[in-house]
Amino acid sequence: MRFLKREGDFCRDCGTAFYRRMTSDTLWQGWWGPLSMVITPFTVLLNLGPRAVFRRLTAPVGAVRRPLDPGQRVLARPPALIPLLTVGLALAMVTVLAVIGLVAGGDRAAAQVSVGDCVRNNAAWPEQDIERISCSDSDSQYRVSPDDSCPAGAYVLYPDYSRDGSALCLAPVR
C-alpha cells in the first residue's frame, strides 16, 4: 500500500487531469490488499475535495506551457470500469441467489400430525413450530388429541399441522 500526493499550483485543466488520472489509477490499483479494500473508497471520496476546488477555477489564460488535457471523466475510463463491473456482478449474484432461495426454498413445510402423535414445539408460545417425534422420546412435550377433548392448559394446534384440516389440540405429556 502506498499513498501518492501531487502538490503544486494547478490551473483548472491541469488539476482536473491529475485528479482524473490519479483517481482512475486508485480505482484500478487501490484494491490489492486487505487493508486497501477498506481504505480505497475513503481515498476516492477524499479526492472529491480537490476536484471541487479545481472546478471552481477559471479557464487557464496566458500560461507558459499548454495546460494538460483533462481527458475522459473518471467513470468513462477503462480502469474505473473494473470495480464498477465487480460491484455490479456481486450485486447481480446476490440478487439471483436471493431469488433462487425464495423460489426453491420457500417456507418450511409444516409437520403433518394426527390424533395420537407426540410433538415438540420448537418456538415460544403462542408461536408454533411443531416437530413430530416419537412418544418414547424424552423430548416429547405434547400429545395430539381431537379439539373436542381439549383439557385445561392445552393448546389449540394451527390448522396447517393437521393432515385432514381438522381442529386438533396439544395436551401436555405427563
Protein backbone atom coordinates (compact mmCIF):
# COMPACT_ATOMS: atom_id res chain seq x y z
CA MET A 1 0.00 0.00 0.00
CA ARG A 2 1.24 3.46 -0.80
CA PHE A 3 -0.19 6.95 -0.82
CA LEU A 4 0.66 9.33 -3.63
CA LYS A 5 0.10 13.06 -3.49
CA ARG A 6 0.68 15.80 -6.06
CA GLU A 7 1.34 19.26 -4.73
CA GLY A 8 1.63 22.49 -6.61
CA ASP A 9 -0.25 25.38 -8.14
CA PHE A 10 -2.53 23.89 -10.78
CA CYS A 11 -4.79 25.51 -13.29
CA ARG A 12 -8.28 24.09 -13.71
CA ASP A 13 -7.33 21.80 -16.60
CA CYS A 14 -4.05 20.51 -15.07
CA GLY A 15 -5.67 19.88 -11.67
CA THR A 16 -8.60 18.09 -13.30
CA ALA A 17 -6.18 15.98 -15.39
CA PHE A 18 -4.21 14.94 -12.28
CA TYR A 19 -7.40 14.25 -10.32
CA ARG A 20 -8.85 12.07 -13.08
CA ARG A 21 -5.65 10.11 -13.69
CA MET A 22 -4.88 9.50 -10.01
CA THR A 23 -8.47 8.58 -9.16
CA SER A 24 -8.73 6.13 -12.05
CA ASP A 25 -5.38 4.62 -11.01
CA THR A 26 -6.70 4.30 -7.45
CA LEU A 27 -9.85 2.59 -8.70
CA TRP A 28 -7.72 0.10 -10.62
CA GLN A 29 -4.74 -0.43 -8.33
CA GLY A 30 -6.04 0.52 -4.89
CA TRP A 31 -7.80 -2.75 -4.01
CA TRP A 32 -4.89 -5.19 -3.87
CA GLY A 33 -4.51 -5.56 -0.12
CA PRO A 34 -6.73 -6.45 2.82
CA LEU A 35 -6.46 -3.01 4.38
CA SER A 36 -6.56 -1.31 0.98
CA MET A 37 -10.03 -2.71 0.32
CA VAL A 38 -11.27 -0.59 3.22
CA ILE A 39 -9.11 2.48 2.60
CA THR A 40 -9.64 2.83 -1.18
CA PRO A 41 -13.29 4.00 -1.03
CA PHE A 42 -12.34 6.65 1.53
CA THR A 43 -9.42 7.78 -0.63
CA VAL A 44 -11.69 8.18 -3.64
CA LEU A 45 -14.16 10.18 -1.55
CA LEU A 46 -11.39 12.37 -0.11
CA ASN A 47 -10.24 13.15 -3.67
CA LEU A 48 -13.59 14.86 -4.29
CA GLY A 49 -12.41 17.85 -2.21
CA PRO A 50 -9.60 18.89 -4.58
CA ARG A 51 -11.88 18.14 -7.52
CA ALA A 52 -14.37 20.71 -6.24
CA VAL A 53 -11.58 23.28 -5.90
CA PHE A 54 -10.40 22.69 -9.48
CA ARG A 55 -13.95 23.01 -10.84
CA ARG A 56 -14.32 26.48 -9.31
CA LEU A 57 -11.22 27.80 -11.08
CA THR A 58 -11.48 29.71 -14.33
CA ALA A 59 -10.06 28.50 -17.62
CA PRO A 60 -6.26 28.85 -17.90
CA VAL A 61 -5.06 32.04 -19.61
CA GLY A 62 -1.57 33.19 -20.59
CA ALA A 63 0.29 30.15 -19.36
CA VAL A 64 3.90 29.46 -20.27
CA ARG A 65 3.02 25.86 -21.14
CA ARG A 66 -0.11 24.38 -22.60
CA PRO A 67 -2.42 23.00 -19.91
CA LEU A 68 -2.78 19.24 -19.64
CA ASP A 69 -5.70 17.60 -21.38
CA PRO A 70 -8.14 16.50 -18.63
CA GLY A 71 -9.24 13.57 -20.80
CA GLN A 72 -12.32 11.48 -20.17
CA ARG A 73 -14.32 11.62 -16.95
CA VAL A 74 -13.17 9.16 -14.28
CA LEU A 75 -16.10 6.78 -14.73
CA ALA A 76 -15.62 6.76 -18.51
CA ARG A 77 -12.07 5.43 -18.21
CA PRO A 78 -11.46 1.66 -18.51
CA PRO A 79 -9.65 1.31 -15.13
CA ALA A 80 -12.71 2.72 -13.35
CA LEU A 81 -14.99 0.19 -15.02
CA ILE A 82 -13.29 -2.76 -13.33
CA PRO A 83 -14.51 -2.02 -9.76
CA LEU A 84 -17.90 -0.93 -11.12
CA LEU A 85 -18.27 -4.22 -13.01
CA THR A 86 -17.10 -6.17 -9.97
CA VAL A 87 -19.64 -4.49 -7.70
CA GLY A 88 -22.34 -4.89 -10.37
CA LEU A 89 -21.61 -8.59 -10.76
CA ALA A 90 -21.61 -9.09 -6.99
CA LEU A 91 -25.00 -7.36 -6.67
CA ALA A 92 -26.36 -9.41 -9.57
CA MET A 93 -25.15 -12.64 -7.95
CA VAL A 94 -26.70 -11.73 -4.60
CA THR A 95 -29.98 -10.90 -6.32
CA VAL A 96 -30.01 -14.15 -8.30
CA LEU A 97 -29.19 -16.20 -5.19
CA ALA A 98 -31.94 -14.45 -3.23
CA VAL A 99 -34.48 -15.16 -5.97
CA ILE A 100 -33.37 -18.80 -6.17
CA GLY A 101 -33.66 -19.07 -2.39
CA LEU A 102 -37.17 -17.65 -2.43
CA VAL A 103 -38.31 -19.83 -5.30
CA ALA A 104 -36.63 -23.08 -4.28
CA GLY A 105 -36.57 -22.74 -0.51
CA GLY A 106 -39.84 -21.04 0.30
CA ASP A 107 -41.30 -21.61 3.74
CA ARG A 108 -40.54 -24.82 5.50
CA ALA A 109 -43.46 -27.20 5.21
CA ALA A 110 -45.38 -27.72 8.43
CA ALA A 111 -45.10 -31.17 10.02
CA GLN A 112 -48.29 -33.11 9.41
CA VAL A 113 -49.68 -34.69 12.58
CA SER A 114 -52.74 -36.69 13.51
CA VAL A 115 -54.50 -37.72 16.72
CA GLY A 116 -52.21 -39.77 18.98
CA ASP A 117 -48.90 -38.36 17.66
CA CYS A 118 -46.40 -36.83 20.05
CA VAL A 119 -44.83 -33.46 19.23
CA ARG A 120 -42.46 -30.82 20.48
CA ASN A 121 -42.85 -27.06 19.98
CA ASN A 122 -39.52 -25.51 18.95
CA ALA A 123 -40.85 -21.96 19.38
CA ALA A 124 -42.05 -19.94 22.34
CA TRP A 125 -45.81 -19.93 22.80
CA PRO A 126 -48.04 -18.55 21.27
CA GLU A 127 -45.86 -19.21 18.18
CA GLN A 128 -45.90 -22.75 16.88
CA ASP A 129 -43.01 -24.59 15.25
CA ILE A 130 -44.25 -28.13 15.70
CA GLU A 131 -41.99 -31.15 15.17
CA ARG A 132 -43.40 -34.67 15.23
CA ILE A 133 -41.30 -37.02 17.36
CA SER A 134 -41.63 -40.47 18.89
CA CYS A 135 -43.77 -40.71 22.01
CA SER A 136 -40.97 -42.71 23.69
CA ASP A 137 -38.58 -39.78 23.16
CA SER A 138 -37.91 -37.80 26.34
CA ASP A 139 -38.20 -34.55 24.34
CA SER A 140 -41.89 -35.12 23.55
CA GLN A 141 -43.89 -32.33 25.12
CA TYR A 142 -47.44 -32.77 23.84
CA ARG A 143 -49.79 -35.48 22.57
CA VAL A 144 -52.19 -34.59 19.76
CA SER A 145 -55.85 -35.10 20.59
CA PRO A 146 -59.14 -34.08 18.98
CA ASP A 147 -60.18 -30.47 19.66
CA ASP A 148 -63.44 -31.50 21.38
CA SER A 149 -61.48 -33.29 24.15
CA CYS A 150 -59.04 -30.45 24.91
CA PRO A 151 -58.24 -30.38 28.65
CA ALA A 152 -57.49 -27.21 30.57
CA GLY A 153 -53.93 -25.97 29.95
CA ALA A 154 -53.79 -27.45 26.45
CA TYR A 155 -53.07 -25.54 23.25
CA VAL A 156 -55.06 -25.46 20.03
CA LEU A 157 -52.91 -26.52 17.08
CA TYR A 158 -52.71 -24.38 13.95
CA PRO A 159 -54.70 -25.99 11.11
CA ASP A 160 -51.54 -26.10 8.94
CA TYR A 161 -50.28 -29.03 11.01
CA SER A 162 -53.39 -31.19 10.66
CA ARG A 163 -53.31 -33.85 7.93
CA ASP A 164 -57.02 -33.56 7.22
CA GLY A 165 -57.54 -29.91 8.17
CA SER A 166 -59.45 -30.75 11.36
CA ALA A 167 -59.03 -28.84 14.59
CA LEU A 168 -56.57 -30.52 16.93
CA CYS A 169 -55.42 -29.99 20.48
CA LEU A 170 -51.99 -30.32 22.13
CA ALA A 171 -52.24 -31.80 25.60
CA PRO A 172 -49.10 -31.92 27.76
CA VAL A 173 -47.45 -35.34 28.05
CA ARG A 174 -47.19 -36.48 31.65
